[in-house]
Structures are given as C-alpha cells and as structure tokens.
Amino acid sequence: MDLFFPMLALDEIGTELQNPFSTDDVNHLPLDKYCQTIEETLMELLAHKSSTAHDE
C-alpha cells in the first residue's frame, strides 16, 4: 500500500505531461492565448519596423 500511491501519482503526472495543451482537462496550458500574444507582439514589432524604415 505504501508503494501504490506514489506509483499512482507518477502515472497521473505522466498522463498530464503527454498532452499538456488538451482542452479536455482543467489543467491544460492556454495555447490559444499564447499564440494570440505572440501574434500581437509580432504585429506590433512589424508595424514599428516598417514605420522606422519609412522614416530613413
């Protein structure tokens, strides 16, 4: 019995690590939000770069 709970915990950790972006689980990582933030940041950088390129 002393070995059962640690083994069960390791199995659950492994299950979580197999699919961290699953939307079926409460503990999923917000991949859509990550992608949206990256896209917004890149668009801001591109807008800034193009405005400074026109100024030169």
Foldseek 3Di string as FASTA:
>chain_A
DVPVVVVVVVVVVVVCVVAQQDPVDPRHDPPVVVVVVVVVVVVVVVVVVVVVVVVD
